[in-house]
Amino acid sequence: MIAPDTLARLREFLATVRGVERVALGGSLAPHTTWRVGGVADLLCVATEVEGLAAAARAAHALAVPWRVLGRGSNVLVGDGGVAGLVILNRTSGLRIEPPTVTADSGLLLSTLARRTAAAGLAGLEWSAGIPGSVGGAVVSNAGAHGGAIADTLQRALLLTPQGESYWAEAGSLELAYRHSRLREREAPEEIVLGAEYILLSEEPATVRARMDEQRRQRKATQPTNQATAGSVFKNPPGDSAARLIDQAGLKGTWIGGARVSPLHANFMVTNAGARAADLLALIALVRERVRIRFGVDLILEVQPIGH
């Protein structure tokens, strides 16, 4: 339990920090997640500048208040009980293109990065045009699609330590693997991503855009892009597809409360307006149990549960 006066002190300080906006006690997190579920944060703020984000994290650390950064709310499942401490909504959006180098703030939408680099005649990130996450989240999970992944082009990431020190970490030190980095498997943040630097290849803008548009059309035809979803729920088992296993287990279209296994893509779950995180957790448990019984495969979550 965090003392109310400690939260009040932190709130008062954050209200004075440049690049930090909308500081609120008991802010709802559901509107800030792509599943549209989840409880409240003890304290919620929006970081619009990298220095503001870093200052918010340093202040929380100094007051021993738990804190975490939430990007665009995809690939996460916030519990109905909410999140203790401070949640910083990352809306930093700086972008610098100096071919072949591209440097982006961690709060920038990945789809915006893909469009801007394609327009500049730079190839290597067009696979990400349909992904609703942020640059920082993509680094943490080594996001990928259509045969591409962040690890293919990432050169280094700007990280912030819990003590408030920032440094550039080479991509090779991040232990990037399939939907994994050393930054991912933690409930409490130890280091967070402030920015990312990529090296891309020069190519005709029209060619890059055409490839990007085709991949986007393919995604729209095979995934429930017009519904509330968090992307792929489970990692693909080695040599197999989570979607195939879930489909063969007869689970497509299955409802629990306000959550449903998508009839279009079995590794996606969608929610309606009345959904709760508990519905998704129950549906995830059901899918894992049925697939384990039917195929002997233990599906591993790709989405990251946070909070309570």
Protein backbone atom coordinates (compact mmCIF):
# COMPACT_ATOMS: atom_id res chain seq x y z
CA MET A 1 0.00 0.00 0.00
CA ILE A 2 1.43 3.35 -1.07
CA ALA A 3 0.86 6.19 1.36
CA PRO A 4 -1.58 8.77 -0.04
CA ASP A 5 0.72 11.64 0.92
CA THR A 6 3.54 10.05 -1.09
CA LEU A 7 1.32 9.84 -4.16
CA ALA A 8 0.22 13.41 -3.58
CA ARG A 9 3.85 14.59 -3.41
CA LEU A 10 4.66 12.75 -6.63
CA ARG A 11 1.60 14.18 -8.33
CA GLU A 12 2.51 17.71 -7.31
CA PHE A 13 6.05 17.29 -8.62
CA LEU A 14 4.99 15.76 -11.94
CA ALA A 15 2.63 18.67 -12.54
CA THR A 16 5.70 20.92 -12.73
CA VAL A 17 7.76 18.76 -15.11
CA ARG A 18 8.14 19.84 -18.72
CA GLY A 19 7.03 17.12 -21.08
CA VAL A 20 4.60 15.58 -18.56
CA GLU A 21 0.87 16.22 -18.87
CA ARG A 22 -2.49 15.12 -17.46
CA VAL A 23 -1.31 13.93 -14.06
CA ALA A 24 -4.25 12.23 -12.34
CA LEU A 25 -4.90 10.06 -9.30
CA GLY A 26 -6.87 6.89 -10.04
CA GLY A 27 -6.67 7.16 -13.82
CA SER A 28 -8.44 4.42 -15.78
CA LEU A 29 -6.14 2.33 -17.97
CA ALA A 30 -8.81 0.63 -20.10
CA PRO A 31 -9.02 3.47 -22.67
CA HIS A 32 -5.26 3.21 -23.14
CA THR A 33 -5.16 -0.48 -24.07
CA THR A 34 -6.15 -2.01 -27.38
CA TRP A 35 -8.33 -4.63 -25.62
CA ARG A 36 -10.10 -1.75 -23.81
CA VAL A 37 -9.98 -3.57 -20.47
CA GLY A 38 -8.17 -3.04 -17.18
CA GLY A 39 -8.49 -1.19 -13.91
CA VAL A 40 -6.99 2.06 -12.69
CA ALA A 41 -3.49 3.25 -11.88
CA ASP A 42 -2.86 4.84 -8.50
CA LEU A 43 -1.30 7.70 -10.43
CA LEU A 44 -1.38 8.24 -14.19
CA CYS A 45 0.47 10.73 -16.35
CA VAL A 46 1.33 11.29 -20.01
CA ALA A 47 4.92 11.84 -21.14
CA THR A 48 5.20 13.83 -24.37
CA GLU A 49 8.98 14.35 -24.27
CA VAL A 50 11.79 11.93 -23.53
CA GLU A 51 13.19 14.09 -20.75
CA GLY A 52 9.74 14.27 -19.15
CA LEU A 53 9.45 10.49 -19.24
CA ALA A 54 12.87 10.10 -17.65
CA ALA A 55 12.10 12.73 -14.99
CA ALA A 56 8.84 10.99 -14.07
CA ALA A 57 10.61 7.66 -13.68
CA ARG A 58 13.39 9.22 -11.58
CA ALA A 59 10.89 10.94 -9.30
CA ALA A 60 8.92 7.77 -8.71
CA HIS A 61 12.13 5.86 -7.96
CA ALA A 62 13.28 8.53 -5.51
CA LEU A 63 9.99 8.25 -3.59
CA ALA A 64 10.02 4.42 -3.71
CA VAL A 65 6.79 4.43 -5.73
CA PRO A 66 6.45 1.48 -8.13
CA TRP A 67 6.24 2.67 -11.71
CA ARG A 68 5.97 1.36 -15.23
CA VAL A 69 5.68 2.74 -18.75
CA LEU A 70 2.75 1.87 -20.99
CA GLY A 71 3.13 2.46 -24.70
CA ARG A 72 0.18 2.13 -27.02
CA GLY A 73 -1.42 -0.61 -24.93
CA SER A 74 -1.09 -3.45 -27.44
CA ASN A 75 0.45 -6.79 -26.51
CA VAL A 76 -0.48 -6.25 -22.84
CA LEU A 77 -3.34 -7.35 -20.59
CA VAL A 78 -4.00 -4.98 -17.70
CA GLY A 79 -5.75 -6.66 -14.77
CA ASP A 80 -9.16 -5.52 -13.52
CA GLY A 81 -7.53 -4.63 -10.20
CA GLY A 82 -5.37 -2.04 -11.92
CA VAL A 83 -1.73 -1.18 -11.38
CA ALA A 84 -0.13 -0.01 -8.14
CA GLY A 85 1.98 3.12 -8.26
CA LEU A 86 2.67 5.35 -11.25
CA VAL A 87 1.86 4.48 -14.85
CA ILE A 88 3.50 6.72 -17.46
CA LEU A 89 1.71 6.77 -20.81
CA ASN A 90 4.49 7.13 -23.35
CA ARG A 91 3.51 9.61 -26.06
CA THR A 92 6.99 10.76 -27.06
CA SER A 93 7.10 11.01 -30.85
CA GLY A 94 10.41 12.41 -32.08
CA LEU A 95 11.83 11.06 -35.34
CA ARG A 96 15.07 11.85 -37.15
CA ILE A 97 15.83 10.41 -40.59
CA GLU A 98 19.42 10.74 -41.78
CA PRO A 99 19.77 7.91 -44.33
CA PRO A 100 20.65 5.20 -43.73
CA THR A 101 20.22 5.95 -40.00
CA VAL A 102 16.79 6.46 -38.43
CA THR A 103 16.35 7.44 -34.77
CA ALA A 104 12.92 7.39 -33.12
CA ASP A 105 11.50 8.14 -29.69
CA SER A 106 10.07 5.09 -27.96
CA GLY A 107 6.50 6.41 -27.88
CA LEU A 108 6.27 6.86 -31.65
CA LEU A 109 3.71 4.61 -33.31
CA LEU A 110 5.43 1.80 -35.17
CA SER A 111 3.05 2.28 -38.10
CA THR A 112 4.05 5.95 -38.32
CA LEU A 113 7.71 4.97 -38.36
CA ALA A 114 7.01 2.51 -41.18
CA ARG A 115 5.16 5.07 -43.28
CA ARG A 116 7.72 7.83 -42.77
CA THR A 117 10.71 5.65 -43.59
CA ALA A 118 8.97 4.22 -46.65
CA ALA A 119 8.26 7.74 -47.90
CA ALA A 120 11.96 8.53 -47.44
CA GLY A 121 12.91 5.57 -49.64
CA LEU A 122 14.19 3.41 -46.79
CA ALA A 123 13.34 -0.30 -46.60
CA GLY A 124 13.39 -2.67 -43.66
CA LEU A 125 10.45 -1.63 -41.49
CA GLU A 126 7.54 -1.88 -43.93
CA TRP A 127 6.41 -5.16 -42.33
CA SER A 128 5.41 -3.14 -39.24
CA ALA A 129 2.92 -0.81 -40.95
CA GLY A 130 -0.11 -2.65 -39.56
CA ILE A 131 1.16 -3.19 -36.02
CA PRO A 132 -0.60 -0.91 -33.48
CA GLY A 133 2.26 -0.76 -30.99
CA SER A 134 5.02 1.71 -30.19
CA VAL A 135 8.71 1.78 -31.04
CA GLY A 136 9.65 1.00 -27.44
CA GLY A 137 7.25 -1.90 -27.08
CA ALA A 138 8.47 -3.32 -30.38
CA VAL A 139 12.06 -3.31 -29.11
CA VAL A 140 11.09 -4.95 -25.82
CA SER A 141 9.23 -7.80 -27.54
CA ASN A 142 11.33 -7.90 -30.74
CA ALA A 143 8.10 -7.47 -32.68
CA GLY A 144 7.84 -9.02 -36.10
CA ALA A 145 5.55 -9.91 -39.01
CA HIS A 146 5.72 -11.01 -42.64
CA GLY A 147 9.17 -12.51 -42.13
CA GLY A 148 10.66 -9.34 -40.64
CA ALA A 149 11.54 -8.36 -37.08
CA ILE A 150 13.01 -5.48 -35.13
CA ALA A 151 16.27 -7.41 -34.69
CA ASP A 152 16.87 -7.21 -38.45
CA THR A 153 17.50 -3.46 -38.48
CA LEU A 154 17.93 -2.28 -34.87
CA GLN A 155 21.42 -1.02 -34.16
CA ARG A 156 21.04 0.19 -30.60
CA ALA A 157 18.45 1.34 -28.07
CA LEU A 158 18.54 4.25 -25.65
CA LEU A 159 17.76 2.81 -22.21
CA LEU A 160 16.94 4.38 -18.85
CA THR A 161 18.06 2.65 -15.66
CA PRO A 162 15.96 2.72 -12.45
CA GLN A 163 18.49 5.21 -11.07
CA GLY A 164 17.64 7.61 -13.89
CA GLU A 165 20.78 7.22 -15.98
CA SER A 166 20.42 6.82 -19.74
CA TYR A 167 22.80 5.00 -22.08
CA TRP A 168 22.87 3.50 -25.55
CA ALA A 169 22.83 -0.31 -25.58
CA GLU A 170 23.96 -2.12 -28.70
CA ALA A 171 21.34 -4.41 -30.21
CA GLY A 172 23.56 -7.43 -29.61
CA SER A 173 23.38 -6.85 -25.85
CA LEU A 174 19.57 -6.98 -25.76
CA GLU A 175 19.36 -10.77 -26.30
CA LEU A 176 16.85 -10.35 -29.11
CA ALA A 177 15.13 -13.59 -30.06
CA TYR A 178 11.69 -14.67 -31.23
CA ARG A 179 9.29 -12.28 -29.43
CA HIS A 180 11.85 -11.76 -26.70
CA SER A 181 14.51 -9.44 -25.32
CA ARG A 182 16.22 -9.23 -21.97
CA LEU A 183 13.98 -6.23 -21.22
CA ARG A 184 10.73 -8.16 -21.48
CA GLU A 185 10.38 -10.76 -18.76
CA ARG A 186 9.95 -8.47 -15.80
CA GLU A 187 6.91 -7.32 -13.84
CA ALA A 188 8.74 -4.30 -12.40
CA PRO A 189 10.84 -2.26 -14.84
CA GLU A 190 14.58 -2.34 -14.47
CA GLU A 191 15.45 -0.59 -17.72
CA ILE A 192 13.04 1.08 -20.12
CA VAL A 193 13.43 2.09 -23.74
CA LEU A 194 13.64 5.82 -24.46
CA GLY A 195 14.54 5.56 -28.13
CA ALA A 196 15.80 3.31 -30.90
CA GLU A 197 18.25 3.62 -33.78
CA TYR A 198 17.95 1.63 -37.00
CA ILE A 199 20.04 1.21 -40.14
CA LEU A 200 17.83 0.79 -43.21
CA LEU A 201 18.42 0.14 -46.92
CA SER A 202 17.78 2.63 -49.70
CA GLU A 203 15.08 1.66 -52.17
CA GLU A 204 12.60 3.43 -54.43
CA PRO A 205 9.80 4.85 -52.24
CA ALA A 206 7.11 3.50 -54.58
CA THR A 207 8.55 -0.02 -54.30
CA VAL A 208 8.69 0.12 -50.51
CA ARG A 209 5.16 1.52 -50.30
CA ALA A 210 3.81 -1.14 -52.65
CA ARG A 211 5.29 -3.90 -50.51
CA MET A 212 3.97 -2.23 -47.37
CA ASP A 213 0.48 -1.83 -48.83
CA GLU A 214 0.37 -5.48 -49.89
CA GLN A 215 1.37 -6.66 -46.42
CA ARG A 216 -1.24 -4.36 -44.90
CA ARG A 217 -3.93 -5.79 -47.20
CA GLN A 218 -2.89 -9.30 -46.25
CA ARG A 219 -3.09 -8.44 -42.54
CA LYS A 220 -6.55 -6.91 -42.96
CA ALA A 221 -7.80 -10.01 -44.79
CA THR A 222 -6.52 -12.49 -42.20
CA GLN A 223 -6.73 -10.65 -38.85
CA PRO A 224 -9.54 -8.84 -36.97
CA THR A 225 -7.96 -5.43 -37.44
CA ASN A 226 -11.27 -3.57 -37.00
CA GLN A 227 -11.97 -5.04 -33.55
CA ALA A 228 -10.55 -4.57 -30.06
CA THR A 229 -7.60 -6.94 -29.96
CA ALA A 230 -4.04 -7.02 -28.63
CA GLY A 231 -2.42 -8.92 -31.50
CA SER A 232 -1.24 -12.51 -31.29
CA VAL A 233 -2.04 -13.91 -27.85
CA PHE A 234 0.40 -16.84 -27.88
CA LYS A 235 3.87 -17.39 -29.30
CA ASN A 236 4.09 -19.93 -32.08
CA PRO A 237 5.52 -23.24 -30.80
CA PRO A 238 8.71 -24.36 -32.58
CA GLY A 239 7.82 -25.63 -36.04
CA ASP A 240 4.10 -25.04 -35.61
CA SER A 241 1.44 -22.34 -35.46
CA ALA A 242 -0.52 -21.40 -32.35
CA ALA A 243 -3.44 -20.43 -34.57
CA ARG A 244 -3.51 -23.88 -36.19
CA LEU A 245 -3.48 -25.65 -32.84
CA ILE A 246 -6.27 -23.46 -31.42
CA ASP A 247 -8.34 -23.89 -34.58
CA GLN A 248 -7.87 -27.68 -34.60
CA ALA A 249 -8.90 -27.77 -30.94
CA GLY A 250 -12.27 -26.40 -32.07
CA LEU A 251 -11.97 -23.10 -30.24
CA LYS A 252 -12.53 -20.53 -32.97
CA GLY A 253 -15.43 -18.28 -32.04
CA THR A 254 -15.51 -19.41 -28.38
CA TRP A 255 -16.86 -16.80 -25.94
CA ILE A 256 -16.24 -16.31 -22.24
CA GLY A 257 -18.04 -13.22 -20.97
CA GLY A 258 -17.08 -10.34 -23.25
CA ALA A 259 -14.02 -12.02 -24.76
CA ARG A 260 -13.94 -14.24 -27.84
CA VAL A 261 -11.44 -16.27 -29.84
CA SER A 262 -11.57 -14.55 -33.20
CA PRO A 263 -13.39 -16.54 -35.90
CA LEU A 264 -11.00 -14.97 -38.43
CA HIS A 265 -7.67 -15.76 -36.75
CA ALA A 266 -7.57 -18.24 -33.87
CA ASN A 267 -4.51 -16.68 -32.20
CA PHE A 268 -6.35 -13.40 -31.74
CA MET A 269 -8.88 -12.67 -29.02
CA VAL A 270 -11.37 -9.83 -29.38
CA THR A 271 -13.46 -8.02 -26.79
CA ASN A 272 -16.81 -6.29 -26.75
CA ALA A 273 -17.80 -3.21 -24.77
CA GLY A 274 -18.66 -5.18 -21.62
CA ALA A 275 -15.46 -7.22 -21.45
CA ARG A 276 -13.25 -7.55 -18.38
CA ALA A 277 -9.66 -8.67 -18.05
CA ALA A 278 -11.01 -11.66 -16.09
CA ASP A 279 -12.88 -12.80 -19.22
CA LEU A 280 -9.67 -12.75 -21.24
CA LEU A 281 -7.72 -14.56 -18.53
CA ALA A 282 -10.39 -17.27 -18.35
CA LEU A 283 -10.41 -17.63 -22.13
CA ILE A 284 -6.62 -17.82 -22.23
CA ALA A 285 -6.69 -20.55 -19.57
CA LEU A 286 -9.33 -22.50 -21.49
CA VAL A 287 -7.38 -22.31 -24.76
CA ARG A 288 -4.16 -23.43 -23.10
CA GLU A 289 -5.91 -26.34 -21.37
CA ARG A 290 -7.66 -27.57 -24.52
CA VAL A 291 -4.53 -27.34 -26.65
CA ARG A 292 -2.48 -29.10 -23.98
CA ILE A 293 -5.01 -31.94 -23.74
CA ARG A 294 -5.42 -32.30 -27.50
CA PHE A 295 -1.82 -31.86 -28.67
CA GLY A 296 0.41 -31.99 -25.58
CA VAL A 297 1.64 -28.46 -26.35
CA ASP A 298 1.91 -25.79 -23.66
CA LEU A 299 1.17 -22.49 -25.37
CA ILE A 300 3.30 -19.60 -24.11
CA LEU A 301 1.79 -16.14 -23.81
CA GLU A 302 3.00 -13.46 -26.17
CA VAL A 303 0.86 -10.78 -24.52
CA GLN A 304 2.17 -9.57 -21.19
CA PRO A 305 -0.18 -9.48 -18.16
CA ILE A 306 0.42 -6.47 -15.92
CA GLY A 307 -1.18 -5.32 -12.70
CA HIS A 308 -3.65 -7.30 -10.63
